[in-house]
Protein backbone atom coordinates (compact mmCIF):
# COMPACT_ATOMS: atom_id res chain seq x y z
CA MET A 1 35.64 12.42 98.75
CA ARG A 2 35.50 12.28 94.90
CA LYS A 3 37.09 9.26 93.28
CA LYS A 4 39.32 9.73 90.23
CA ALA A 5 38.82 7.55 87.09
CA SER A 6 41.57 6.46 84.83
CA ILE A 7 42.08 4.35 81.73
CA THR A 8 45.13 2.77 80.42
CA VAL A 9 46.56 3.58 77.02
CA PHE A 10 45.91 0.04 75.91
CA ALA A 11 42.23 0.28 76.91
CA ALA A 12 41.86 3.59 75.06
CA LEU A 13 43.37 2.13 71.95
CA SER A 14 41.14 -0.91 72.26
CA LEU A 15 38.01 1.28 72.55
CA MET A 16 39.11 3.24 69.51
CA LEU A 17 39.57 0.05 67.52
CA VAL A 18 36.18 -1.26 68.64
CA ALA A 19 34.55 2.06 67.65
CA GLN A 20 36.30 1.97 64.31
CA LEU A 21 35.04 -1.56 63.72
CA LEU A 22 31.48 -0.63 64.67
CA PHE A 23 31.41 2.49 62.49
CA THR A 24 32.99 0.59 59.60
CA LEU A 25 30.36 -2.12 59.88
CA LEU A 26 27.62 0.49 59.97
CA GLU A 27 29.05 2.22 56.91
CA ALA A 28 29.37 -1.12 55.14
CA ALA A 29 25.73 -1.92 55.88
CA ARG A 30 24.73 1.52 54.64
CA HIS A 31 26.83 1.03 51.51
CA TYR A 32 25.24 -2.34 50.82
CA GLU A 33 21.74 -0.96 51.28
CA LEU A 34 22.51 2.10 49.19
CA GLN A 35 23.64 -0.12 46.32
CA LYS A 36 20.20 -1.73 46.25
CA VAL A 37 18.47 1.65 46.50
CA LEU A 38 20.55 3.08 43.66
CA TYR A 39 19.85 0.09 41.45
CA MET A 40 16.12 0.53 42.03
CA ASN A 41 16.45 4.26 41.47
CA THR A 42 18.13 3.71 38.08
CA ASP A 43 15.24 1.52 36.97
CA THR A 44 12.65 3.91 38.34
CA VAL A 45 14.00 7.12 36.84
CA LEU A 46 14.61 5.46 33.46
CA GLU A 47 11.03 4.20 33.37
CA SER A 48 9.91 7.71 34.32
CA VAL A 49 11.75 9.08 31.30
CA PHE A 50 10.05 6.51 29.05
CA ALA A 51 6.72 7.50 30.57
CA ASP A 52 7.29 10.96 29.09
CA TYR A 53 6.39 9.75 25.58
CA CYS A 54 5.27 11.89 22.66
CA SER A 55 1.55 12.31 23.35
CA PRO A 56 0.27 13.20 19.83
CA LEU A 57 2.10 10.23 18.34
CA TRP A 58 0.52 7.83 20.83
CA GLU A 59 -2.96 9.32 20.98
CA THR A 60 -3.37 9.44 17.20
CA TYR A 61 -1.21 6.59 15.89
CA LYS A 62 -0.57 4.37 18.96
CA ILE A 63 3.22 4.62 18.66
CA LEU A 64 5.30 5.09 21.82
CA GLY A 65 8.50 7.09 21.65
CA VAL A 66 10.55 9.57 23.72
CA ARG A 67 11.83 12.75 22.09
CA VAL A 68 15.61 13.17 22.45
CA GLU A 69 16.38 16.54 20.93
CA ASP A 70 17.45 20.03 21.93
CA THR A 71 15.52 23.29 21.51
CA LYS A 72 16.82 23.59 17.93
CA GLY A 73 15.47 20.20 16.92
CA LYS A 74 18.83 18.39 16.88
CA LEU A 75 19.38 14.89 18.25
CA CYS A 76 20.57 15.39 21.82
CA PHE A 77 20.34 13.40 25.07
CA ASN A 78 21.32 16.26 27.42
CA ASN A 79 17.77 17.09 28.41
CA ARG A 80 16.99 13.45 29.18
CA GLU A 81 20.19 13.06 31.20
CA ALA A 82 19.27 16.19 33.17
CA GLN A 83 15.83 14.68 33.72
CA LEU A 84 17.41 11.58 35.24
CA ARG A 85 19.56 13.67 37.59
CA GLY A 86 16.61 15.80 38.64
CA LEU A 87 14.45 12.79 39.42
CA THR A 88 17.30 11.22 41.39
CA SER A 89 17.73 14.42 43.41
CA ASP A 90 14.02 14.33 44.25
CA HIS A 91 14.30 10.72 45.35
CA LEU A 92 17.67 10.66 47.15
CA GLY A 93 18.67 14.21 47.98
CA SER A 94 22.26 15.41 47.61
CA LYS A 95 25.57 13.72 48.27
CA GLU A 96 26.52 16.69 50.49
CA GLN A 97 23.95 15.66 53.09
CA LYS A 98 26.25 13.59 55.30
CA THR A 99 25.55 14.78 58.86
CA LEU A 100 23.14 12.93 61.11
CA LEU A 101 20.28 15.39 61.46
CA SER A 102 16.76 14.79 62.71
CA GLY A 103 14.62 13.22 59.98
CA MET A 104 17.51 12.85 57.58
CA SER A 105 17.77 9.72 55.41
CA LEU A 106 21.02 7.83 55.56
CA LEU A 107 20.52 6.78 51.93
CA THR A 108 21.45 9.97 50.09
CA ALA A 109 23.36 10.06 46.82
CA GLU A 110 23.73 12.11 43.67
CA MET A 111 23.68 10.96 40.04
CA THR A 112 26.73 12.66 38.58
CA ASP A 113 26.67 11.07 35.13
CA ALA A 114 24.15 9.28 32.91
CA ARG A 115 24.81 7.86 29.46
CA TYR A 116 22.23 6.42 27.04
CA ASP A 117 24.30 3.92 25.10
CA PRO A 118 23.53 1.90 23.14
CA TYR A 119 20.16 3.20 21.98
CA ARG A 120 17.63 2.54 19.25
CA LEU A 121 15.70 5.18 17.29
CA LEU A 122 12.28 4.66 15.74
CA THR A 123 13.57 5.11 12.18
CA ASP A 124 16.47 2.64 12.44
CA GLN A 125 17.00 -0.17 9.91
CA ASN A 126 15.05 1.58 7.18
CA GLY A 127 11.68 1.01 8.82
CA VAL A 128 12.18 -2.38 10.50
CA VAL A 129 12.18 -0.88 14.01
CA PHE A 130 9.02 1.08 13.26
CA GLN A 131 7.32 -2.09 12.05
CA LYS A 132 8.31 -3.82 15.30
CA ALA A 133 6.79 -0.94 17.28
CA VAL A 134 3.55 -1.34 15.35
CA CYS A 135 3.50 -5.13 15.76
CA THR A 136 4.08 -4.82 19.51
CA TYR A 137 0.85 -2.84 19.75
CA MET A 138 -1.17 -4.76 17.17
CA LYS A 139 -0.50 -8.19 18.67
CA LYS A 140 -2.66 -7.13 21.58
CA ASN A 141 -5.41 -5.70 19.38
CA ILE A 142 -5.95 -8.12 16.49
CA ALA A 143 -6.71 -11.83 16.58
CA TYR A 144 -4.35 -14.29 14.90
CA GLU A 145 -7.26 -15.76 12.94
CA MET A 146 -8.07 -12.37 11.42
CA ALA A 147 -4.44 -11.87 10.37
CA LYS A 148 -4.41 -15.34 8.81
CA SER A 149 -7.60 -14.55 6.90
CA VAL A 150 -6.03 -11.42 5.37
CA TYR A 151 -2.95 -13.37 4.34
CA ASN A 152 -5.08 -16.13 2.79
CA HIS A 153 -6.86 -13.51 0.68
CA TYR A 154 -3.50 -12.22 -0.48
CA GLU A 155 -2.36 -15.73 -1.42
CA ALA A 156 -5.59 -16.29 -3.36
CA VAL A 157 -5.17 -13.06 -5.33
CA LYS A 158 -1.52 -13.85 -6.06
CA GLU A 159 -2.45 -17.32 -7.36
CA VAL A 160 -5.16 -15.94 -9.65
CA LYS A 161 -2.93 -13.16 -10.97
CA LYS A 162 -0.21 -15.67 -11.79
CA ASP A 163 -2.42 -17.35 -14.41
CA TYR A 164 -3.78 -14.10 -15.87
CA LYS A 165 -1.77 -12.70 -18.76
CA ASN A 166 -1.49 -9.03 -19.67
CA PRO A 167 -5.11 -7.87 -20.24
CA ASP A 168 -4.07 -5.16 -22.71
CA GLU A 169 -2.43 -7.84 -24.86
CA GLY A 170 -5.62 -9.91 -24.79
CA ILE A 171 -7.69 -6.99 -26.09
CA ALA A 172 -5.01 -6.00 -28.63
CA ASP A 173 -4.85 -9.56 -29.97
CA ALA A 174 -8.63 -9.63 -30.36
CA MET A 175 -8.65 -6.31 -32.19
CA ASP A 176 -5.88 -7.53 -34.46
CA ALA A 177 -7.79 -10.74 -35.20
CA LEU A 178 -10.82 -8.71 -36.28
CA LYS A 179 -8.79 -6.38 -38.49
CA HIS A 180 -6.56 -9.04 -40.04
CA PRO A 181 -8.46 -12.35 -40.03
CA GLU A 182 -6.35 -13.54 -42.94
CA LYS A 183 -3.52 -14.18 -40.49
CA TYR A 184 -5.63 -16.96 -39.00
CA GLU A 185 -6.96 -18.53 -42.25
CA THR A 186 -4.26 -21.21 -42.44
CA GLU A 187 -5.13 -22.31 -38.96
CA GLY A 188 -8.75 -22.91 -39.95
CA ALA A 189 -8.25 -24.21 -43.52
CA GLY A 190 -9.93 -27.57 -44.15
CA ASN A 191 -11.43 -27.54 -40.68
CA SER A 192 -15.02 -28.79 -40.79
CA SER A 193 -15.93 -27.01 -37.57
CA SER A 194 -14.71 -23.79 -39.18
CA ARG A 195 -16.97 -24.26 -42.16
CA GLN A 196 -19.85 -25.18 -39.91
CA LEU A 197 -19.25 -22.12 -37.76
CA LYS A 198 -19.12 -19.90 -40.85
CA GLY A 199 -22.41 -21.34 -42.06
CA GLU A 200 -24.04 -20.82 -38.67
CA ALA A 201 -22.85 -17.27 -38.56
CA ARG A 202 -24.08 -16.46 -42.04
CA GLN A 203 -27.40 -18.19 -41.49
CA GLY A 204 -27.79 -16.36 -38.20
CA ASP A 205 -27.19 -13.05 -39.91
CA LYS A 206 -29.66 -13.96 -42.66
CA THR A 207 -32.34 -14.96 -40.17
CA LYS A 208 -31.94 -11.71 -38.27
CA LYS A 209 -32.29 -9.69 -41.47
CA GLU A 210 -35.40 -11.63 -42.53
CA ASP A 211 -37.00 -11.25 -39.11
CA SER A 212 -36.38 -7.52 -38.93
CA GLY A 213 -37.11 -6.81 -42.58
CA GLU A 214 -34.03 -4.57 -42.72
CA LYS A 215 -30.30 -4.65 -42.34
CA ALA A 216 -29.23 -5.88 -38.91
CA THR A 217 -27.69 -3.17 -36.72
CA PRO A 218 -24.04 -4.05 -36.03
CA THR A 219 -23.29 -4.86 -32.38
CA GLU A 220 -21.21 -2.23 -30.60
CA ASN A 221 -17.73 -3.55 -30.04
CA PRO A 222 -16.81 -3.66 -26.31
CA LEU A 223 -13.16 -4.11 -27.29
CA GLU A 224 -13.09 -0.65 -28.83
CA THR A 225 -15.02 0.84 -25.93
CA VAL A 226 -12.62 -0.49 -23.30
CA THR A 227 -9.58 0.50 -25.37
CA GLU A 228 -10.81 4.09 -25.56
CA VAL A 229 -11.88 4.19 -21.92
CA LYS A 230 -8.43 3.11 -20.75
CA LYS A 231 -6.95 6.18 -22.43
CA GLU A 232 -8.99 8.47 -20.17
CA GLY A 233 -8.17 9.47 -16.61
CA VAL A 234 -8.78 6.63 -14.19
CA LEU A 235 -10.38 8.86 -11.53
CA SER A 236 -13.01 10.15 -13.95
CA LEU A 237 -13.85 6.53 -14.66
CA VAL A 238 -14.56 5.52 -11.05
CA LEU A 239 -15.68 8.80 -9.44
CA SER A 240 -18.90 10.65 -10.19
CA GLU A 241 -18.77 14.16 -11.64
CA ASN A 242 -19.75 15.87 -8.36
CA THR A 243 -17.09 14.05 -6.31
CA LYS A 244 -14.54 16.40 -4.76
CA VAL A 245 -11.04 14.97 -4.52
CA SER A 246 -8.74 16.28 -1.78
CA GLY A 247 -6.23 18.90 -2.91
CA LYS A 248 -3.86 18.45 0.06
CA SER A 249 -0.16 17.85 -0.47
CA ILE A 250 3.01 17.24 1.56
CA ASN A 251 6.50 18.72 1.34
CA ILE A 252 7.98 15.44 0.25
CA GLU A 253 11.62 16.59 0.16
CA GLU A 254 11.65 17.05 3.96
CA THR A 255 9.99 13.74 4.83
CA VAL A 256 11.52 10.80 6.65
CA SER A 257 11.72 8.71 3.48
CA HIS A 258 13.66 11.39 1.57
CA ARG A 259 16.10 13.01 4.03
CA SER A 260 19.24 11.73 5.76
CA LEU A 261 18.40 10.25 9.14
CA GLU A 262 20.11 9.90 12.51
CA LYS A 263 21.12 6.35 13.38
CA GLY A 264 20.92 4.41 16.64
CA THR A 265 23.76 2.31 18.03
CA MET A 266 22.01 -0.96 18.91
CA ASP A 267 22.31 -4.23 17.04
CA SER A 268 19.92 -4.84 14.16
CA TYR A 269 16.64 -6.70 14.39
CA VAL A 270 15.89 -9.59 12.07
CA GLY A 271 13.34 -9.14 9.28
CA THR A 272 9.59 -9.62 9.63
CA ASP A 273 7.58 -12.77 8.84
CA TRP A 274 4.14 -12.96 7.21
CA TYR A 275 2.31 -12.53 10.53
CA GLN A 276 4.16 -9.35 11.42
CA LYS A 277 3.59 -8.01 7.91
CA VAL A 278 -0.15 -8.56 8.18
CA LEU A 279 -0.21 -6.91 11.62
CA PHE A 280 1.65 -3.91 10.24
CA TYR A 281 -0.57 -3.56 7.17
CA GLN A 282 -3.74 -3.92 9.21
CA TYR A 283 -2.45 -1.15 11.46
CA LEU A 284 -2.13 1.10 8.41
CA VAL A 285 -5.74 0.40 7.47
CA ASN A 286 -6.98 0.98 11.03
CA TYR A 287 -5.12 4.18 11.94
CA LEU A 288 -4.38 6.06 8.72
CA GLY A 289 -6.94 8.13 6.87
CA ASN A 290 -8.05 6.94 3.42
CA TYR A 291 -10.48 7.94 0.70
CA VAL A 292 -13.43 6.16 2.29
CA GLU A 293 -12.57 7.07 5.90
CA LYS A 294 -11.06 10.52 5.56
CA LYS A 295 -9.16 12.28 8.37
CA GLN A 296 -9.79 15.99 7.96
CA ASP A 297 -7.24 17.04 10.59
CA ARG A 298 -4.31 15.32 8.88
CA VAL A 299 -1.74 16.89 6.55
CA LEU A 300 -2.94 14.44 3.89
CA GLU A 301 -6.52 13.22 3.93
CA TYR A 302 -5.60 10.04 2.07
CA GLU A 303 -2.71 8.87 4.23
CA LEU A 304 -3.10 5.22 3.28
CA GLU A 305 -3.04 6.10 -0.40
CA TYR A 306 0.18 8.07 0.18
CA VAL A 307 1.77 5.03 1.81
CA LEU A 308 0.93 3.01 -1.31
CA GLY A 309 1.65 5.69 -3.90
CA GLY A 310 4.37 7.87 -2.42
CA LYS A 311 3.37 10.99 -4.40
CA ARG A 312 3.23 14.45 -2.89
CA ASN A 313 -0.54 15.04 -3.26
CA ASP A 314 -3.73 13.15 -2.46
CA ALA A 315 -5.08 13.09 -6.03
CA ASP A 316 -2.03 11.40 -7.55
CA ASN A 317 -1.91 8.81 -4.77
CA LEU A 318 -5.58 8.02 -5.22
CA LYS A 319 -4.97 7.43 -8.94
CA ILE A 320 -2.27 4.90 -8.13
CA VAL A 321 -4.45 3.01 -5.66
CA VAL A 322 -7.45 2.95 -8.01
CA THR A 323 -5.22 1.60 -10.79
CA GLU A 324 -3.93 -1.14 -8.47
CA LEU A 325 -7.46 -2.00 -7.34
CA LEU A 326 -8.57 -2.39 -10.95
CA ALA A 327 -5.54 -4.57 -11.63
CA MET A 328 -6.46 -6.71 -8.63
CA ARG A 329 -10.14 -7.06 -9.49
CA GLU A 330 -9.61 -7.90 -13.20
CA PRO A 331 -8.09 -11.39 -12.73
CA LEU A 332 -10.60 -12.15 -9.97
CA ASN A 333 -13.47 -11.20 -12.26
CA MET A 334 -11.85 -13.15 -15.10
CA ALA A 335 -11.86 -16.19 -12.83
CA SER A 336 -15.59 -15.65 -12.23
CA LEU A 337 -16.24 -15.40 -15.97
CA THR A 338 -14.24 -18.54 -16.68
CA ALA A 339 -16.19 -20.45 -14.05
CA SER A 340 -19.58 -19.45 -15.51
CA SER A 341 -20.76 -21.48 -18.53
CA GLN A 342 -23.57 -19.00 -19.14
CA ARG A 343 -21.27 -15.99 -19.45
CA GLN A 344 -18.82 -18.03 -21.52
CA SER A 345 -21.66 -18.72 -23.97
CA GLU A 346 -22.63 -15.05 -24.07
CA ALA A 347 -19.03 -14.07 -24.83
CA MET A 348 -18.83 -16.72 -27.57
CA ALA A 349 -22.07 -15.53 -29.17
CA LEU A 350 -20.81 -11.95 -29.23
CA ALA A 351 -17.47 -13.09 -30.64
CA VAL A 352 -19.24 -14.92 -33.47
CA THR A 353 -21.28 -11.80 -34.20
CA LEU A 354 -18.24 -9.51 -34.20
CA ALA A 355 -16.17 -11.89 -36.32
CA GLY A 356 -18.79 -11.65 -39.07
CA VAL A 357 -18.39 -13.68 -42.22
CA SER A 358 -14.88 -14.80 -41.32
CA ALA A 359 -16.01 -17.06 -38.51
CA ASN A 360 -12.61 -18.69 -38.27
CA PRO A 361 -12.42 -20.62 -34.96
CA ALA A 362 -8.96 -19.17 -34.25
CA VAL A 363 -10.25 -15.64 -34.86
CA ILE A 364 -13.35 -16.23 -32.78
CA GLU A 365 -11.35 -17.73 -29.94
CA ALA A 366 -9.05 -14.71 -29.87
CA VAL A 367 -12.04 -12.34 -30.00
CA LYS A 368 -13.83 -14.30 -27.31
CA TYR A 369 -10.86 -14.02 -24.95
CA GLY A 370 -10.60 -10.29 -25.68
CA ILE A 371 -14.30 -9.88 -24.90
CA LEU A 372 -13.86 -11.70 -21.59
CA VAL A 373 -10.94 -9.41 -20.73
CA ALA A 374 -12.99 -6.33 -21.61
CA TRP A 375 -15.93 -7.67 -19.63
CA ALA A 376 -13.74 -8.35 -16.59
CA PHE A 377 -12.40 -4.80 -16.81
CA ALA A 378 -15.90 -3.30 -17.03
CA GLU A 379 -17.04 -5.30 -13.99
CA SER A 380 -13.88 -4.20 -12.17
CA VAL A 381 -14.70 -0.54 -12.80
CA LEU A 382 -18.13 -1.09 -11.27
CA ASP A 383 -16.50 -2.91 -8.35
CA VAL A 384 -14.12 -0.04 -7.59
CA ARG A 385 -16.99 2.45 -7.77
CA THR A 386 -18.80 0.41 -5.14
CA LEU A 387 -15.70 0.16 -2.94
CA LEU A 388 -15.07 3.90 -3.12
CA SER A 389 -18.70 4.45 -2.14
CA GLY A 390 -18.19 2.39 1.03
CA GLY A 391 -19.64 -0.88 -0.25
CA LYS A 392 -18.27 -4.42 -0.25
CA ILE A 393 -17.26 -6.73 -3.07
CA THR A 394 -16.68 -10.47 -2.74
CA MET A 395 -13.40 -11.94 -3.98
CA ILE A 396 -14.69 -14.46 -6.56
CA LYS A 397 -18.20 -13.59 -7.66
CA SER A 398 -21.07 -16.01 -8.05
CA ASP A 399 -23.79 -15.53 -10.69
CA ALA A 400 -25.89 -13.76 -8.05
CA ASP A 401 -23.09 -11.29 -7.28
CA TRP A 402 -22.30 -10.42 -10.91
CA THR A 403 -23.55 -7.07 -12.17
CA SER A 404 -22.60 -6.22 -15.77
CA ASN A 405 -24.00 -7.46 -19.07
CA VAL A 406 -21.63 -8.06 -21.98
CA HIS A 407 -23.94 -6.22 -24.38
CA MET A 408 -24.15 -3.13 -22.14
CA ILE A 409 -20.46 -2.47 -21.46
CA PRO A 410 -20.44 0.91 -23.27
CA GLU A 411 -23.49 2.13 -21.36
CA LEU A 412 -22.15 0.87 -18.03
CA LEU A 413 -18.80 2.60 -18.43
CA SER A 414 -20.14 5.87 -19.79
CA GLY A 415 -22.93 6.11 -17.21
CA TRP A 416 -22.80 5.83 -13.44
CA SER A 417 -23.54 2.20 -12.71
CA VAL A 418 -22.04 0.43 -9.70
CA ALA A 419 -21.53 -3.21 -8.81
CA LYS A 420 -23.84 -5.03 -6.44
CA ASP A 421 -22.94 -4.51 -2.80
CA CYS A 422 -22.00 -7.92 -1.35
CA SER A 423 -22.67 -8.10 2.39
CA GLN A 424 -20.21 -10.98 2.77
CA GLY A 425 -17.50 -9.31 0.69
CA LEU A 426 -14.49 -7.14 1.52
CA ASP A 427 -14.56 -3.37 1.87
CA TYR A 428 -12.10 -0.75 0.60
CA GLY A 429 -9.85 -1.05 3.62
CA GLN A 430 -9.67 -4.83 3.40
CA TYR A 431 -8.73 -4.68 -0.27
CA ALA A 432 -6.13 -2.05 0.59
CA ALA A 433 -4.64 -4.44 3.17
CA ILE A 434 -4.23 -7.03 0.41
CA LEU A 435 -2.67 -4.44 -1.90
CA LEU A 436 -0.15 -3.56 0.81
CA LEU A 437 1.11 -7.14 0.87
CA PHE A 438 2.29 -6.74 -2.73
CA HIS A 439 4.61 -3.88 -1.69
CA LYS A 440 7.90 -3.78 0.21
CA GLY A 441 7.34 -3.40 3.95
CA ASN A 442 10.32 -1.10 4.55
CA THR A 443 9.15 1.38 1.91
CA LEU A 444 5.66 1.43 3.39
CA ALA A 445 7.05 1.90 6.90
CA MET A 446 9.13 4.92 5.87
CA ARG A 447 6.17 6.52 4.12
CA THR A 448 3.99 5.86 7.16
CA MET A 449 6.47 7.78 9.27
CA ASP A 450 6.28 10.60 6.71
CA VAL A 451 2.60 11.24 7.37
CA GLU A 452 2.80 10.61 11.11
CA GLU A 453 5.69 13.06 11.52
CA ALA A 454 3.87 15.65 9.41
CA TYR A 455 0.78 15.38 11.61
CA VAL A 456 2.69 15.66 14.90
CA GLN A 457 4.46 18.78 13.61
CA THR A 458 1.07 20.51 13.34
CA GLN A 459 0.54 20.18 17.11
CA GLU A 460 1.50 23.01 19.44
CA GLY A 461 4.92 22.52 20.96
CA TYR A 462 5.95 19.86 18.42
CA GLU A 463 6.84 22.07 15.46
CA ASN A 464 10.42 20.69 15.33
CA PHE A 465 9.43 17.07 15.90
CA GLN A 466 11.32 14.47 13.86
CA MET A 467 10.81 10.71 13.87
CA ASP A 468 14.55 10.01 13.81
CA HIS A 469 14.83 11.85 17.15
CA VAL A 470 12.45 9.43 18.85
CA LEU A 471 13.96 6.95 21.31
CA CYS A 472 12.26 3.57 21.68
CA GLU A 473 14.90 1.40 23.37
CA THR A 474 18.13 2.01 25.29
CA GLU A 475 20.59 0.85 27.91
CA LEU A 476 21.56 3.32 30.63
CA THR A 477 24.84 3.60 32.52
CA ALA A 478 24.41 5.74 35.65
CA THR A 479 27.18 6.94 37.98
CA TYR A 480 26.39 7.91 41.59
CA GLU A 481 28.49 9.61 44.24
CA PHE A 482 27.74 9.74 47.97
CA GLN A 483 29.53 10.79 51.14
CA PRO A 484 30.33 8.47 54.06
CA VAL A 485 28.34 9.05 57.22
CA PHE A 486 29.70 6.79 59.95
CA LEU A 487 33.31 6.90 58.82
CA GLY A 488 33.32 10.60 59.55
CA PHE A 489 33.49 9.78 63.28
CA ILE A 490 36.80 8.03 62.81
CA SER A 491 39.54 10.63 62.89
CA ILE A 492 42.13 8.42 61.25
CA LEU A 493 39.94 8.22 58.11
CA GLU A 494 39.33 11.93 57.65
CA ASP A 495 41.19 11.87 54.35
CA PHE A 496 38.49 9.48 52.96
CA SER A 497 35.90 12.26 53.03
CA ASN A 498 35.87 12.60 49.21
CA GLY A 499 33.16 9.97 49.14
CA PHE A 500 32.26 6.83 47.22
CA ARG A 501 31.31 6.20 43.62
CA ILE A 502 28.97 3.49 42.31
CA GLN A 503 28.12 2.73 38.68
CA ASN A 504 25.25 0.53 37.62
CA HIS A 505 23.31 -0.33 34.46
CA SER A 506 19.70 -0.61 33.41
CA GLY A 507 17.69 -0.72 30.23
CA TYR A 508 14.19 -0.25 28.91
CA SER A 509 12.33 -0.97 25.69
CA TYR A 510 8.82 -0.16 24.54
CA PHE A 511 8.82 -3.53 22.79
CA HIS A 512 9.44 -5.81 25.76
CA GLY A 513 9.78 -3.54 28.82
CA LYS A 514 12.46 -4.07 31.44
CA GLU A 515 12.35 -7.86 31.38
CA GLY A 516 13.72 -8.21 27.87
CA MET A 517 16.84 -6.11 28.44
């Protein structure tokens, strides 16, 4: 005989309440675990987006950045937001998967919204952000001692230049003293040394005439030679006749430094210190093409010269850099002349000869200084020729390093003589690094982005590339939705089937990764 089972209403209600409690606890545990999974997913998918950096920019110039633009080349985050949602779907499935099927994960959710805000673009702060990107890379690739050495060279040049007056004035004053010695007569009147000097000069001239048996040939005036040479083109002075200068140019009106740029929304960085400046300038020397180390595949062969000069073509930029190199070498060579008693004597002897019968000490002193200036310029021309040929020149020359002779300045400048190559000296790139320190970092950074953008645009698939559409740092707000699983077994909660929503935040930066956000 079959027995009949029964349950009281109270027991049924109790079982329902117990089931509701169990399913609620299960759903709560799932919710708690899903929160952790979604937080990790936000970090993971954001890092995946940052792993999709612009390859030509990194491979050629070692700059990391993510393109955030649409197919028309406009700043747009839609494609990157869609990338986040697609990666999340691959990781977590869809929020509609809420039934307990074989092999199904209980941790399914869908990213329904993703916002990059705030964000930082590579061109922000007029080049400061770009400099930070460069320094982040260079700190791992250049020793502090090397950076300090470059800065010490810069300080040495700055100190020498401070005490060196306008060289053109020195030569002009000397020329004026030779043409109008009467202006200096009152200074030398009654001066015994003046009379003695005049006598020595006249006797010297007489002795020369007696020895030769004819009129002495006047010494060629280096002041006139240098004055005339400076009127000529500077490139013809330092480059041989068969040298071919690059004819490449850039459409400067469309460059980063000349057009209106998109702006990021993050707070500003502070300015750079001397160490960061040196790192940035050494990066320019290492990764940009220049006259000595040309890059044939670049839009401009002389990229470094463009950064310094800012002109649209290679030839004009090279002129600017050569002029600045000459201006740097002149005071350094003047310091070498001043430190050498032998060359001081040679300059004085030539000054006495050029001053002729006047021999006024004030005139001779002015002429002597002009000769030293002209001599320093001539040696500087030889120095730059050596640097452009790939050689090295020491900062302050010793007697062994010096090349030119004061009596041969016309021949040296008109011919093709070069300075002695100094194995312990600095090469073209190292001198360029010092030159860079005399310029404003922000201007150099913007011009650097000009040439880098122009190069990337020559690569297939990057024709619309723009540096102000390159993301380097951001904070992400992601919104997820997911359906309940265990609560679906509780009939009294059927109206809660619309699901849950979770919002979390993450951030990433190429400068300091996830940890610094």
